[in-house]
Amino acid sequence: MKWVLITLAPIVLISGFFFGWRVYLLYLIAIVTAQLCELLWFKWTDKPLTWDLSAIVTAVLMTMNLPPTAPWYFPMIGAAFAIIVVKEFFGGLGYNFLNPALGGRALLVGLFFSEMFKISWPNPPFDRLSPDVVSQATPLARLNDQQSLTNHELVQAFLGNIGGRIGETCSILIILAAIVLLKKNIIQYHIPVIIVATVALGAWLFGGDTGLASWQTVLGHVLSGGLLLGAVFMATDYASSPANKLGECLFAFGIGLLILVFRFLGPTNEGVSYAILTMNCATPLIDRLLRRRVLGEPGNRIINAKLKR
């Protein structure tokens, strides 16, 4: 958790540079709410409090999935639901079957659909967003209208100066975070690589107007929206992902396919969070079908796969 927070810190800092000082308040509200909810839960259940930083990680990731224009009570509601319901109701750290941060976001989408899908464009440095910054077409909406992003726009997407939610726009920092987490052996490459590759291949095959899409369109689908943030930080959650490498590959491929379905056929031009949550629900079935059978255990497995941990 410490290294995850370290890699998230630059993304938190740059999000304020692009979307204004106000987003730091949203992070703070989410962190305080999450930590307080966990403290009260452990007090109520008479369990010793463990300071494992997981509540802070959940709060930060949940806030990164909010629009920069979100009211102050959005991170409060989302963080409380993520910690109490998605995490603690199912046994706490390591027992949640859904990613808590995305669970909190899903509740907010259900409660405040229109507000949650407002996409803001940056107004750096550290400036308050004006109304005209939330009225432009999103990069993904333009891609789905068969418009390619220009080379300049792709560079801006790589650097983070493009429309999106609080923590999803700066691709270069997310990629650097992934490299650090891989070097520290905190995450494995299977899930993020397969997710991104599946979306890139699908965008190439189906994103063109009259044939195969251009490389600008493919790269636009990779750099725009929450694909990289979700693939690196949310889909790799230990508790809600499969228990062996083969299961991870199937899990990641399913996420990539669902993202393509949501992006090309869905009403919001996005779908990373719901793709991950859907495959979180499928994880127990994947584990049951693919895990190694214990000697003498009844029942059959499709593949006798070795556990990753």
Protein backbone atom coordinates (compact mmCIF):
# COMPACT_ATOMS: atom_id res chain seq x y z
CA MET A 1 0.00 0.00 0.00
CA LYS A 2 2.89 2.36 0.73
CA TRP A 3 4.32 1.96 -2.77
CA VAL A 4 0.90 2.31 -4.37
CA LEU A 5 0.45 5.63 -2.54
CA ILE A 6 3.94 6.75 -3.57
CA THR A 7 3.14 6.09 -7.24
CA LEU A 8 -0.25 7.77 -6.90
CA ALA A 9 1.19 10.93 -5.32
CA PRO A 10 2.49 12.52 -8.58
CA ILE A 11 -0.86 11.84 -10.25
CA VAL A 12 -2.63 13.55 -7.35
CA LEU A 13 -0.34 16.58 -7.61
CA ILE A 14 -0.69 16.94 -11.40
CA SER A 15 -4.49 16.63 -11.21
CA GLY A 16 -4.59 19.86 -9.19
CA PHE A 17 -2.30 21.57 -11.69
CA PHE A 18 -4.71 20.73 -14.52
CA PHE A 19 -8.09 21.01 -12.80
CA GLY A 20 -7.54 23.51 -10.02
CA TRP A 21 -6.80 23.62 -6.29
CA ARG A 22 -10.34 22.47 -5.52
CA VAL A 23 -9.61 18.84 -6.43
CA TYR A 24 -7.20 18.60 -3.48
CA LEU A 25 -10.15 19.33 -1.20
CA LEU A 26 -12.04 16.43 -2.80
CA TYR A 27 -9.07 14.12 -2.12
CA LEU A 28 -8.89 15.32 1.49
CA ILE A 29 -12.62 14.82 2.12
CA ALA A 30 -12.45 11.29 0.70
CA ILE A 31 -9.36 10.35 2.74
CA VAL A 32 -10.76 11.71 6.01
CA THR A 33 -14.12 10.03 5.40
CA ALA A 34 -12.57 6.68 4.51
CA GLN A 35 -10.22 6.64 7.49
CA LEU A 36 -12.96 7.76 9.88
CA CYS A 37 -15.36 5.10 8.57
CA GLU A 38 -12.74 2.40 9.02
CA LEU A 39 -11.97 3.66 12.54
CA LEU A 40 -15.65 3.65 13.51
CA TRP A 41 -16.16 0.20 11.95
CA PHE A 42 -13.32 -1.34 13.94
CA LYS A 43 -14.60 0.40 17.09
CA TRP A 44 -18.15 -0.87 16.53
CA THR A 45 -17.04 -4.43 15.79
CA ASP A 46 -14.54 -4.37 18.67
CA LYS A 47 -11.62 -5.32 16.43
CA PRO A 48 -8.05 -3.96 16.70
CA LEU A 49 -7.48 -1.24 14.13
CA THR A 50 -4.84 -2.06 11.53
CA TRP A 51 -3.17 0.95 9.91
CA ASP A 52 -2.50 -0.65 6.53
CA LEU A 53 -3.11 2.48 4.38
CA SER A 54 -5.68 0.59 2.30
CA ALA A 55 -8.46 3.04 3.18
CA ILE A 56 -6.34 5.93 1.94
CA VAL A 57 -5.55 4.10 -1.31
CA THR A 58 -9.26 3.44 -1.81
CA ALA A 59 -10.15 7.08 -1.13
CA VAL A 60 -7.53 8.42 -3.55
CA LEU A 61 -8.50 6.04 -6.37
CA MET A 62 -12.20 6.72 -5.88
CA THR A 63 -11.58 10.48 -6.08
CA MET A 64 -9.53 10.05 -9.24
CA ASN A 65 -12.65 8.62 -10.86
CA LEU A 66 -14.75 11.71 -10.05
CA PRO A 67 -15.34 14.65 -12.38
CA PRO A 68 -13.39 17.76 -11.32
CA THR A 69 -16.70 19.59 -10.87
CA ALA A 70 -18.01 17.05 -8.32
CA PRO A 71 -19.66 18.60 -5.23
CA TRP A 72 -17.93 18.15 -1.87
CA TYR A 73 -20.37 15.46 -0.74
CA PHE A 74 -19.59 13.12 -3.66
CA PRO A 75 -16.25 11.90 -2.19
CA MET A 76 -17.86 11.65 1.23
CA ILE A 77 -20.70 9.38 0.03
CA GLY A 78 -18.46 7.36 -2.28
CA ALA A 79 -15.69 6.79 0.27
CA ALA A 80 -18.12 5.81 3.04
CA PHE A 81 -19.85 3.26 0.80
CA ALA A 82 -16.53 1.91 -0.50
CA ILE A 83 -15.13 1.29 2.98
CA ILE A 84 -18.18 0.20 4.97
CA VAL A 85 -20.17 -1.76 2.38
CA VAL A 86 -17.80 -2.91 -0.36
CA LYS A 87 -14.81 -3.57 1.91
CA GLU A 88 -15.80 -4.18 5.54
CA PHE A 89 -19.18 -5.88 5.01
CA PHE A 90 -17.34 -8.68 3.22
CA GLY A 91 -14.58 -9.16 5.77
CA GLY A 92 -12.18 -6.27 5.27
CA LEU A 93 -8.86 -6.10 3.48
CA GLY A 94 -8.29 -9.08 1.20
CA TYR A 95 -11.90 -10.32 1.32
CA ASN A 96 -13.70 -7.74 -0.83
CA PHE A 97 -14.95 -9.32 -4.06
CA LEU A 98 -15.33 -5.92 -5.77
CA ASN A 99 -12.78 -3.17 -6.08
CA PRO A 100 -13.85 -0.76 -3.30
CA ALA A 101 -12.94 2.43 -5.16
CA LEU A 102 -14.99 1.43 -8.20
CA GLY A 103 -17.82 0.24 -5.96
CA GLY A 104 -18.00 3.72 -4.46
CA ARG A 105 -17.99 5.27 -7.92
CA ALA A 106 -20.74 2.93 -9.09
CA LEU A 107 -22.99 4.09 -6.24
CA LEU A 108 -22.37 7.73 -7.19
CA VAL A 109 -23.20 7.01 -10.83
CA GLY A 110 -26.47 5.43 -9.71
CA LEU A 111 -27.33 8.41 -7.51
CA PHE A 112 -26.00 11.28 -9.63
CA PHE A 113 -25.76 10.02 -13.19
CA SER A 114 -25.67 13.37 -15.01
CA GLU A 115 -23.14 14.97 -12.68
CA MET A 116 -20.83 11.96 -12.73
CA PHE A 117 -20.56 12.02 -16.52
CA LYS A 118 -19.61 15.66 -16.84
CA ILE A 119 -16.17 15.69 -18.44
CA SER A 120 -14.05 18.76 -17.73
CA TRP A 121 -11.14 20.11 -19.76
CA PRO A 122 -8.05 21.35 -17.91
CA ASN A 123 -7.53 25.00 -17.15
CA PRO A 124 -3.92 25.06 -15.89
CA PRO A 125 -2.15 26.10 -13.84
CA PHE A 126 -4.20 25.39 -10.70
CA ASP A 127 -7.15 27.43 -11.99
CA ARG A 128 -10.82 27.12 -11.12
CA LEU A 129 -12.88 25.49 -13.86
CA SER A 130 -15.23 27.81 -15.72
CA PRO A 131 -18.57 26.62 -17.21
CA ASP A 132 -17.22 26.52 -20.77
CA VAL A 133 -14.60 23.96 -19.77
CA VAL A 134 -17.24 21.28 -19.25
CA SER A 135 -19.12 21.70 -22.51
CA GLN A 136 -16.66 20.35 -25.08
CA ALA A 137 -16.97 16.93 -26.67
CA THR A 138 -14.83 14.31 -24.95
CA PRO A 139 -11.96 12.64 -26.85
CA LEU A 140 -13.78 9.30 -26.72
CA ALA A 141 -16.98 10.86 -28.05
CA ARG A 142 -15.04 12.27 -30.99
CA LEU A 143 -13.35 8.92 -31.62
CA ASN A 144 -16.72 7.18 -31.67
CA ASP A 145 -17.90 9.77 -34.21
CA GLN A 146 -15.08 8.50 -36.48
CA GLN A 147 -12.92 11.57 -35.77
CA SER A 148 -9.24 10.90 -35.13
CA LEU A 149 -7.30 12.92 -32.60
CA THR A 150 -4.53 15.06 -34.05
CA ASN A 151 -0.89 14.37 -33.21
CA HIS A 152 -0.90 17.45 -30.98
CA GLU A 153 -3.95 16.18 -29.11
CA LEU A 154 -2.32 12.78 -28.64
CA VAL A 155 0.74 14.45 -27.12
CA GLN A 156 -1.51 16.47 -24.83
CA ALA A 157 -3.33 13.27 -23.83
CA PHE A 158 0.00 11.64 -23.04
CA LEU A 159 0.95 14.61 -20.84
CA GLY A 160 -2.50 14.97 -19.25
CA ASN A 161 -3.70 18.23 -20.72
CA ILE A 162 -6.94 16.78 -22.08
CA GLY A 163 -10.53 16.38 -20.96
CA GLY A 164 -11.34 13.70 -18.42
CA ARG A 165 -11.85 12.92 -14.78
CA ILE A 166 -9.61 14.04 -11.97
CA GLY A 167 -6.89 11.39 -12.08
CA GLU A 168 -7.21 9.65 -15.44
CA THR A 169 -5.74 12.13 -17.92
CA CYS A 170 -1.96 12.08 -17.34
CA SER A 171 -0.95 8.91 -19.16
CA ILE A 172 2.78 9.37 -18.72
CA LEU A 173 2.55 9.39 -14.92
CA ILE A 174 0.27 6.33 -14.91
CA ILE A 175 2.74 4.46 -17.14
CA LEU A 176 5.65 5.46 -14.88
CA ALA A 177 3.64 4.29 -11.87
CA ALA A 178 3.05 0.95 -13.58
CA ILE A 179 6.79 0.55 -14.21
CA VAL A 180 7.59 1.20 -10.54
CA LEU A 181 4.91 -1.23 -9.32
CA LEU A 182 6.14 -3.88 -11.74
CA LYS A 183 9.74 -3.40 -10.64
CA LYS A 184 8.67 -3.75 -7.01
CA ASN A 185 6.71 -6.91 -7.93
CA ILE A 186 3.55 -5.35 -6.47
CA ILE A 187 1.56 -5.96 -9.64
CA GLN A 188 2.08 -8.42 -12.51
CA TYR A 189 2.14 -7.38 -16.15
CA HIS A 190 -0.51 -9.85 -17.36
CA ILE A 191 -3.62 -7.89 -16.44
CA PRO A 192 -2.72 -4.34 -17.59
CA VAL A 193 -0.97 -5.48 -20.77
CA ILE A 194 -3.82 -7.76 -21.89
CA ILE A 195 -6.48 -5.15 -21.12
CA VAL A 196 -4.69 -2.43 -23.08
CA ALA A 197 -3.78 -4.78 -25.94
CA THR A 198 -7.38 -6.03 -26.25
CA VAL A 199 -8.77 -2.49 -26.37
CA ALA A 200 -6.09 -1.40 -28.86
CA LEU A 201 -6.78 -4.37 -31.14
CA GLY A 202 -10.53 -3.81 -30.96
CA ALA A 203 -10.12 -0.10 -31.69
CA TRP A 204 -7.97 -0.95 -34.73
CA LEU A 205 -10.50 -3.47 -36.06
CA PHE A 206 -13.72 -1.58 -35.32
CA GLY A 207 -12.78 2.05 -34.77
CA GLY A 208 -12.38 3.03 -38.42
CA ASP A 209 -15.03 4.58 -40.61
CA THR A 210 -14.79 2.26 -43.62
CA GLY A 211 -12.02 -0.12 -42.62
CA LEU A 212 -9.21 -0.56 -40.17
CA ALA A 213 -8.66 2.43 -37.90
CA SER A 214 -5.61 4.69 -38.08
CA TRP A 215 -2.85 4.49 -35.49
CA GLN A 216 -4.01 7.87 -34.15
CA THR A 217 -7.44 6.39 -33.41
CA VAL A 218 -5.95 3.34 -31.72
CA LEU A 219 -3.61 5.45 -29.60
CA GLY A 220 -6.46 7.80 -28.80
CA HIS A 221 -8.50 4.93 -27.36
CA VAL A 222 -5.54 3.87 -25.22
CA LEU A 223 -4.68 7.33 -23.89
CA SER A 224 -8.23 8.68 -23.45
CA GLY A 225 -10.67 7.85 -20.68
CA GLY A 226 -9.91 5.69 -17.67
CA LEU A 227 -8.28 2.75 -19.48
CA LEU A 228 -4.73 3.11 -18.15
CA LEU A 229 -5.79 4.13 -14.64
CA GLY A 230 -8.19 1.21 -14.37
CA ALA A 231 -5.81 -1.34 -15.91
CA VAL A 232 -2.89 -0.43 -13.63
CA PHE A 233 -4.51 0.40 -10.30
CA MET A 234 -7.99 -1.14 -10.15
CA ALA A 235 -7.97 -4.32 -12.22
CA THR A 236 -4.80 -5.52 -10.46
CA ASP A 237 -6.42 -5.53 -7.00
CA TYR A 238 -5.37 -8.82 -5.37
CA ALA A 239 -8.65 -9.57 -3.61
CA SER A 240 -10.94 -9.04 -6.59
CA SER A 241 -8.81 -10.63 -9.32
CA PRO A 242 -8.29 -14.36 -10.04
CA ALA A 243 -5.84 -16.49 -8.07
CA ASN A 244 -3.71 -17.83 -10.94
CA LYS A 245 -2.05 -16.42 -14.03
CA LEU A 246 -4.30 -18.19 -16.50
CA GLY A 247 -7.30 -16.81 -14.64
CA GLU A 248 -5.73 -13.35 -14.71
CA CYS A 249 -5.37 -13.55 -18.48
CA LEU A 250 -9.01 -14.56 -18.94
CA PHE A 251 -10.08 -11.88 -16.45
CA ALA A 252 -8.11 -9.17 -18.28
CA PHE A 253 -9.33 -10.28 -21.71
CA GLY A 254 -12.92 -10.11 -20.46
CA ILE A 255 -12.35 -6.59 -19.15
CA GLY A 256 -10.91 -5.50 -22.50
CA LEU A 257 -13.84 -6.95 -24.44
CA LEU A 258 -16.39 -5.33 -22.14
CA ILE A 259 -14.64 -1.96 -22.46
CA LEU A 260 -14.96 -2.23 -26.24
CA VAL A 261 -18.65 -3.08 -25.95
CA PHE A 262 -19.32 -0.18 -23.58
CA ARG A 263 -17.27 2.28 -25.65
CA PHE A 264 -18.71 1.43 -29.04
CA LEU A 265 -22.27 0.52 -28.04
CA GLY A 266 -22.83 2.18 -24.67
CA PRO A 267 -24.44 5.57 -24.07
CA THR A 268 -21.47 7.13 -22.26
CA ASN A 269 -18.51 6.29 -24.59
CA GLU A 270 -16.70 4.81 -21.59
CA GLY A 271 -17.07 1.74 -19.41
CA VAL A 272 -13.77 0.84 -17.76
CA SER A 273 -15.17 0.85 -14.24
CA TYR A 274 -18.18 -1.31 -15.08
CA ALA A 275 -16.06 -3.68 -17.14
CA ILE A 276 -13.79 -4.24 -14.13
CA LEU A 277 -16.71 -4.59 -11.70
CA THR A 278 -18.41 -7.11 -13.99
CA MET A 279 -15.28 -9.25 -14.19
CA ASN A 280 -14.79 -8.89 -10.42
CA CYS A 281 -18.13 -10.68 -10.09
CA ALA A 282 -16.92 -13.38 -12.48
CA THR A 283 -13.68 -13.96 -10.55
CA PRO A 284 -15.06 -16.66 -8.20
CA LEU A 285 -16.29 -18.64 -11.22
CA ILE A 286 -12.92 -18.25 -12.96
CA ASP A 287 -11.13 -19.43 -9.83
CA ARG A 288 -13.46 -22.40 -9.46
CA LEU A 289 -12.94 -23.51 -13.05
CA LEU A 290 -9.20 -22.93 -13.29
CA ARG A 291 -7.66 -23.46 -9.87
CA ARG A 292 -5.59 -26.52 -9.03
CA ARG A 293 -7.69 -29.35 -7.61
CA VAL A 294 -6.64 -30.57 -4.17
CA LEU A 295 -5.88 -34.31 -3.98
CA GLY A 296 -9.07 -36.14 -3.06
CA GLU A 297 -11.31 -33.13 -3.68
CA PRO A 298 -14.56 -34.02 -5.51
CA GLY A 299 -15.51 -32.32 -8.74
CA ASN A 300 -13.67 -31.55 -11.93
CA ARG A 301 -11.75 -28.53 -13.12
CA ILE A 302 -11.46 -27.50 -16.74
CA ILE A 303 -7.75 -26.76 -16.32
CA ASN A 304 -5.54 -27.72 -13.40
CA ALA A 305 -3.85 -24.33 -13.13
CA LYS A 306 -1.13 -23.38 -10.68
CA LEU A 307 -1.91 -20.68 -8.13
CA LYS A 308 -0.08 -17.39 -8.58
CA ARG A 309 0.25 -16.80 -4.84
